[in-house]
Amino acid sequence: MAWENLGFVSKNLEESSGMGKFVLGIGNVLLRDEGIGCHVVHALEGISLPDVKIIDGGTCPDVLQFLEDADKLIIVDAVKGGGTPGQIYRFHLEDITLEQKPFLSLHDVGLVDSLMLMQLWHNIGEAVIIGVEPREINWGLELSPELREKMPQIIDAILAELNTSANLSLEGEE
């Protein structure tokens, strides 16, 4: 199977060469709020963001190996930080403390491990994680009402990270 045929990779990924800005949404859209990263990147696809690659990484953290050098990488994912549902967290990879455990197989490599490896292979200017506190992680395709209400603030946080003007228009609007 060719990688370009996989649905979790945005159409912009094959154009990614050299330095640039990437927004990567991670999550499982079958588990309600766990899919917040994917919902956010699909909302961003409707905004004109020149020189920004939008990627739906789904549940495949291996998508990081397909990225190249980047000035900025923004990862959006659900994060259980103990706050109220919809609370937005911003942190860097260095802010995460992990329990050291041996890998029994390559299937044990998670997002943070993949990101650390990617930083060894590629020149990443800054990697920022935008986490959103989930309310519900159980079967269902819809976000909880709390996360749906927070969607504009989540998008604003990403746009601020991209240093993009707030005067962006949705595609199709004149």
C-alpha atoms as a PDB file:
ATOM      1  CA  MET A   1       0.000   0.000   0.000  1.00  0.00           C
ATOM      2  CA  ALA A   2       1.378   3.430  -0.918  1.00  0.00           C
ATOM      3  CA  TRP A   3       1.640   5.961   1.939  1.00  0.00           C
ATOM      4  CA  GLU A   4       0.048   8.710  -0.134  1.00  0.00           C
ATOM      5  CA  ASN A   5      -3.160   6.646  -0.270  1.00  0.00           C
ATOM      6  CA  LEU A   6      -3.627   6.612   3.511  1.00  0.00           C
ATOM      7  CA  GLY A   7      -6.554   8.742   4.660  1.00  0.00           C
ATOM      8  CA  PHE A   8      -4.875  10.073   7.811  1.00  0.00           C
ATOM      9  CA  VAL A   9      -2.351  12.121   5.840  1.00  0.00           C
ATOM     10  CA  SER A  10      -3.514  15.533   4.626  1.00  0.00           C
ATOM     11  CA  LYS A  11      -3.262  16.433   0.973  1.00  0.00           C
ATOM     12  CA  ASN A  12      -0.737  19.082   2.012  1.00  0.00           C
ATOM     13  CA  LEU A  13       1.739  16.530   3.377  1.00  0.00           C
ATOM     14  CA  GLU A  14       3.152  15.518   0.016  1.00  0.00           C
ATOM     15  CA  GLU A  15       4.000  19.184  -0.611  1.00  0.00           C
ATOM     16  CA  SER A  16       5.988  19.443   2.630  1.00  0.00           C
ATOM     17  CA  SER A  17       9.608  19.983   1.789  1.00  0.00           C
ATOM     18  CA  GLY A  18      11.982  22.120   3.754  1.00  0.00           C
ATOM     19  CA  MET A  19      11.266  24.396   6.670  1.00  0.00           C
ATOM     20  CA  GLY A  20       7.696  25.381   7.332  1.00  0.00           C
ATOM     21  CA  LYS A  21       4.932  25.284   9.896  1.00  0.00           C
ATOM     22  CA  PHE A  22       2.911  22.168  10.643  1.00  0.00           C
ATOM     23  CA  VAL A  23      -0.253  21.622  12.663  1.00  0.00           C
ATOM     24  CA  LEU A  24      -0.764  17.963  13.500  1.00  0.00           C
ATOM     25  CA  GLY A  25      -4.050  16.743  14.977  1.00  0.00           C
ATOM     26  CA  ILE A  26      -3.870  13.496  16.922  1.00  0.00           C
ATOM     27  CA  GLY A  27      -6.721  11.419  18.312  1.00  0.00           C
ATOM     28  CA  ASN A  28      -9.351   8.767  17.811  1.00  0.00           C
ATOM     29  CA  VAL A  29     -12.538  10.265  16.367  1.00  0.00           C
ATOM     30  CA  LEU A  30     -14.449   7.092  17.361  1.00  0.00           C
ATOM     31  CA  LEU A  31     -13.989   7.971  21.047  1.00  0.00           C
ATOM     32  CA  ARG A  32     -15.716  11.368  21.222  1.00  0.00           C
ATOM     33  CA  ASP A  33     -13.402  13.929  22.896  1.00  0.00           C
ATOM     34  CA  GLU A  34     -10.321  11.743  22.318  1.00  0.00           C
ATOM     35  CA  GLY A  35     -10.599  12.904  18.687  1.00  0.00           C
ATOM     36  CA  ILE A  36     -10.343  16.629  19.445  1.00  0.00           C
ATOM     37  CA  GLY A  37      -7.042  16.989  17.561  1.00  0.00           C
ATOM     38  CA  CYS A  38      -8.574  15.617  14.362  1.00  0.00           C
ATOM     39  CA  HIS A  39     -11.695  17.777  14.711  1.00  0.00           C
ATOM     40  CA  VAL A  40      -9.537  20.874  15.178  1.00  0.00           C
ATOM     41  CA  VAL A  41      -7.331  20.279  12.126  1.00  0.00           C
ATOM     42  CA  HIS A  42     -10.405  19.708   9.965  1.00  0.00           C
ATOM     43  CA  ALA A  43     -11.777  23.045  11.171  1.00  0.00           C
ATOM     44  CA  LEU A  44      -8.413  24.665  10.329  1.00  0.00           C
ATOM     45  CA  GLU A  45      -8.609  23.317   6.774  1.00  0.00           C
ATOM     46  CA  GLY A  46     -11.390  25.850   6.181  1.00  0.00           C
ATOM     47  CA  ILE A  47      -9.090  28.760   7.048  1.00  0.00           C
ATOM     48  CA  SER A  48      -6.582  30.211   4.611  1.00  0.00           C
ATOM     49  CA  LEU A  49      -3.197  29.515   6.209  1.00  0.00           C
ATOM     50  CA  PRO A  50      -0.477  29.995   3.603  1.00  0.00           C
ATOM     51  CA  ASP A  51       2.733  28.084   4.279  1.00  0.00           C
ATOM     52  CA  VAL A  52       1.098  25.973   6.998  1.00  0.00           C
ATOM     53  CA  LYS A  53       0.700  22.233   6.500  1.00  0.00           C
ATOM     54  CA  ILE A  54      -2.401  20.827   8.204  1.00  0.00           C
ATOM     55  CA  ILE A  55      -2.200  17.104   8.993  1.00  0.00           C
ATOM     56  CA  ASP A  56      -4.783  14.724  10.447  1.00  0.00           C
ATOM     57  CA  GLY A  57      -2.576  12.166  12.177  1.00  0.00           C
ATOM     58  CA  GLY A  58      -5.482  10.192  13.616  1.00  0.00           C
ATOM     59  CA  THR A  59      -4.243   7.440  15.890  1.00  0.00           C
ATOM     60  CA  CYS A  60      -0.964   6.986  14.026  1.00  0.00           C
ATOM     61  CA  PRO A  61       1.909   8.749  15.801  1.00  0.00           C
ATOM     62  CA  ASP A  62       4.195   7.325  13.106  1.00  0.00           C
ATOM     63  CA  VAL A  63       2.987  10.162  10.872  1.00  0.00           C
ATOM     64  CA  LEU A  64       5.785  12.227  12.446  1.00  0.00           C
ATOM     65  CA  GLN A  65       8.371  10.302  10.440  1.00  0.00           C
ATOM     66  CA  PHE A  66       6.897  11.738   7.231  1.00  0.00           C
ATOM     67  CA  LEU A  67       7.444  15.328   8.306  1.00  0.00           C
ATOM     68  CA  GLU A  68      10.581  17.140   7.344  1.00  0.00           C
ATOM     69  CA  ASP A  69      12.384  20.098   8.870  1.00  0.00           C
ATOM     70  CA  ALA A  70      10.009  22.594  10.414  1.00  0.00           C
ATOM     71  CA  ASP A  71      10.226  26.065  11.889  1.00  0.00           C
ATOM     72  CA  LYS A  72       7.287  25.172  14.112  1.00  0.00           C
ATOM     73  CA  LEU A  73       5.317  22.036  14.870  1.00  0.00           C
ATOM     74  CA  ILE A  74       2.021  22.346  16.728  1.00  0.00           C
ATOM     75  CA  ILE A  75       0.439  19.127  17.944  1.00  0.00           C
ATOM     76  CA  VAL A  76      -3.204  19.160  19.060  1.00  0.00           C
ATOM     77  CA  ASP A  77      -4.461  16.306  21.230  1.00  0.00           C
ATOM     78  CA  ALA A  78      -6.672  15.421  24.185  1.00  0.00           C
ATOM     79  CA  VAL A  79      -4.772  15.723  27.470  1.00  0.00           C
ATOM     80  CA  LYS A  80      -6.004  14.580  30.854  1.00  0.00           C
ATOM     81  CA  GLY A  81      -4.510  17.233  33.085  1.00  0.00           C
ATOM     82  CA  GLY A  82      -7.146  17.229  35.815  1.00  0.00           C
ATOM     83  CA  GLY A  83      -8.789  20.498  34.738  1.00  0.00           C
ATOM     84  CA  THR A  84     -12.324  21.249  33.677  1.00  0.00           C
ATOM     85  CA  PRO A  85     -13.548  19.808  30.358  1.00  0.00           C
ATOM     86  CA  GLY A  86     -12.424  22.031  27.498  1.00  0.00           C
ATOM     87  CA  GLN A  87      -9.510  23.558  29.412  1.00  0.00           C
ATOM     88  CA  ILE A  88      -6.669  24.341  27.017  1.00  0.00           C
ATOM     89  CA  TYR A  89      -3.088  23.471  27.950  1.00  0.00           C
ATOM     90  CA  ARG A  90       0.070  24.650  26.207  1.00  0.00           C
ATOM     91  CA  PHE A  91       3.373  22.933  26.797  1.00  0.00           C
ATOM     92  CA  HIS A  92       6.586  21.785  25.174  1.00  0.00           C
ATOM     93  CA  LEU A  93       8.006  18.309  24.943  1.00  0.00           C
ATOM     94  CA  GLU A  94      10.544  19.177  27.639  1.00  0.00           C
ATOM     95  CA  ASP A  95       7.657  19.837  30.050  1.00  0.00           C
ATOM     96  CA  ILE A  96       6.554  16.192  29.943  1.00  0.00           C
ATOM     97  CA  THR A  97       8.010  13.758  32.455  1.00  0.00           C
ATOM     98  CA  LEU A  98       7.658  10.164  31.407  1.00  0.00           C
ATOM     99  CA  GLU A  99       7.972   6.948  33.305  1.00  0.00           C
ATOM    100  CA  GLN A 100      10.943   5.151  31.797  1.00  0.00           C
ATOM    101  CA  LYS A 101       9.892   1.732  30.565  1.00  0.00           C
ATOM    102  CA  PRO A 102      11.506  -0.709  28.164  1.00  0.00           C
ATOM    103  CA  PHE A 103      10.029  -1.131  24.698  1.00  0.00           C
ATOM    104  CA  LEU A 104       8.965  -4.669  23.985  1.00  0.00           C
ATOM    105  CA  SER A 105       8.133  -3.905  20.362  1.00  0.00           C
ATOM    106  CA  LEU A 106       7.830  -0.987  17.962  1.00  0.00           C
ATOM    107  CA  HIS A 107       4.108  -0.946  18.802  1.00  0.00           C
ATOM    108  CA  ASP A 108       5.064   0.389  22.242  1.00  0.00           C
ATOM    109  CA  VAL A 109       6.385   3.647  20.764  1.00  0.00           C
ATOM    110  CA  GLY A 110       3.934   6.461  21.443  1.00  0.00           C
ATOM    111  CA  LEU A 111       3.519  10.047  20.305  1.00  0.00           C
ATOM    112  CA  VAL A 112       6.035  11.550  22.728  1.00  0.00           C
ATOM    113  CA  ASP A 113       8.641   8.924  21.868  1.00  0.00           C
ATOM    114  CA  SER A 114       8.066   9.525  18.154  1.00  0.00           C
ATOM    115  CA  LEU A 115       8.396  13.269  18.653  1.00  0.00           C
ATOM    116  CA  MET A 116      11.693  12.825  20.499  1.00  0.00           C
ATOM    117  CA  LEU A 117      12.995  10.649  17.658  1.00  0.00           C
ATOM    118  CA  MET A 118      11.799  13.147  15.080  1.00  0.00           C
ATOM    119  CA  GLN A 119      13.746  15.901  16.807  1.00  0.00           C
ATOM    120  CA  LEU A 120      16.868  13.773  16.421  1.00  0.00           C
ATOM    121  CA  TRP A 121      16.263  13.199  12.698  1.00  0.00           C
ATOM    122  CA  HIS A 122      14.983  16.629  11.690  1.00  0.00           C
ATOM    123  CA  ASN A 123      15.555  20.276  12.446  1.00  0.00           C
ATOM    124  CA  ILE A 124      12.503  21.327  14.468  1.00  0.00           C
ATOM    125  CA  GLY A 125      12.589  24.956  15.525  1.00  0.00           C
ATOM    126  CA  GLU A 126       9.865  24.689  18.165  1.00  0.00           C
ATOM    127  CA  ALA A 127       7.425  21.931  19.029  1.00  0.00           C
ATOM    128  CA  VAL A 128       4.341  23.023  20.965  1.00  0.00           C
ATOM    129  CA  ILE A 129       1.605  20.755  22.243  1.00  0.00           C
ATOM    130  CA  ILE A 130      -1.880  22.209  22.569  1.00  0.00           C
ATOM    131  CA  GLY A 131      -3.813  19.868  24.843  1.00  0.00           C
ATOM    132  CA  VAL A 132      -7.528  19.984  25.528  1.00  0.00           C
ATOM    133  CA  GLU A 133      -9.071  18.443  28.632  1.00  0.00           C
ATOM    134  CA  PRO A 134     -11.644  15.848  27.494  1.00  0.00           C
ATOM    135  CA  ARG A 135     -15.027  15.314  29.115  1.00  0.00           C
ATOM    136  CA  GLU A 136     -16.042  12.037  27.500  1.00  0.00           C
ATOM    137  CA  ILE A 137     -13.809   9.312  26.126  1.00  0.00           C
ATOM    138  CA  ASN A 138     -16.217   6.598  25.097  1.00  0.00           C
ATOM    139  CA  TRP A 139     -17.829   5.366  21.880  1.00  0.00           C
ATOM    140  CA  GLY A 140     -19.297   8.121  19.740  1.00  0.00           C
ATOM    141  CA  LEU A 141     -18.392  10.439  16.881  1.00  0.00           C
ATOM    142  CA  GLU A 142     -19.493  13.781  18.326  1.00  0.00           C
ATOM    143  CA  LEU A 143     -17.486  15.997  20.634  1.00  0.00           C
ATOM    144  CA  SER A 144     -19.036  16.743  24.019  1.00  0.00           C
ATOM    145  CA  PRO A 145     -20.916  20.070  24.238  1.00  0.00           C
ATOM    146  CA  GLU A 146     -18.105  21.520  26.384  1.00  0.00           C
ATOM    147  CA  LEU A 147     -15.467  20.847  23.730  1.00  0.00           C
ATOM    148  CA  ARG A 148     -17.704  22.013  20.876  1.00  0.00           C
ATOM    149  CA  GLU A 149     -18.143  25.328  22.729  1.00  0.00           C
ATOM    150  CA  LYS A 150     -14.354  25.650  23.180  1.00  0.00           C
ATOM    151  CA  MET A 151     -13.524  25.034  19.508  1.00  0.00           C
ATOM    152  CA  PRO A 152     -13.148  28.781  18.672  1.00  0.00           C
ATOM    153  CA  GLN A 153     -10.758  29.292  21.609  1.00  0.00           C
ATOM    154  CA  ILE A 154      -8.730  26.226  20.611  1.00  0.00           C
ATOM    155  CA  ILE A 155      -8.420  27.526  17.054  1.00  0.00           C
ATOM    156  CA  ASP A 156      -7.485  30.992  18.367  1.00  0.00           C
ATOM    157  CA  ALA A 157      -4.730  29.409  20.486  1.00  0.00           C
ATOM    158  CA  ILE A 158      -3.316  27.661  17.414  1.00  0.00           C
ATOM    159  CA  LEU A 159      -3.519  30.806  15.293  1.00  0.00           C
ATOM    160  CA  ALA A 160      -1.686  32.712  18.029  1.00  0.00           C
ATOM    161  CA  GLU A 161       1.030  30.034  17.978  1.00  0.00           C
ATOM    162  CA  LEU A 162       1.309  30.467  14.224  1.00  0.00           C
ATOM    163  CA  ASN A 163       1.555  34.257  14.699  1.00  0.00           C
ATOM    164  CA  THR A 164      -1.275  34.603  12.229  1.00  0.00           C
ATOM    165  CA  SER A 165      -3.587  37.566  11.924  1.00  0.00           C
ATOM    166  CA  ALA A 166      -7.047  37.150  13.436  1.00  0.00           C
ATOM    167  CA  ASN A 167      -8.513  38.594  10.224  1.00  0.00           C
ATOM    168  CA  LEU A 168      -8.534  35.264   8.427  1.00  0.00           C
ATOM    169  CA  SER A 169     -11.590  34.300   6.421  1.00  0.00           C
ATOM    170  CA  LEU A 170     -13.056  30.874   5.871  1.00  0.00           C
ATOM    171  CA  GLU A 171     -12.577  29.512   2.377  1.00  0.00           C
ATOM    172  CA  GLY A 172     -15.572  30.296   0.225  1.00  0.00           C
ATOM    173  CA  GLU A 173     -16.459  33.467   2.128  1.00  0.00           C
ATOM    174  CA  GLU A 174     -15.999  36.686   0.247  1.00  0.00           C
END
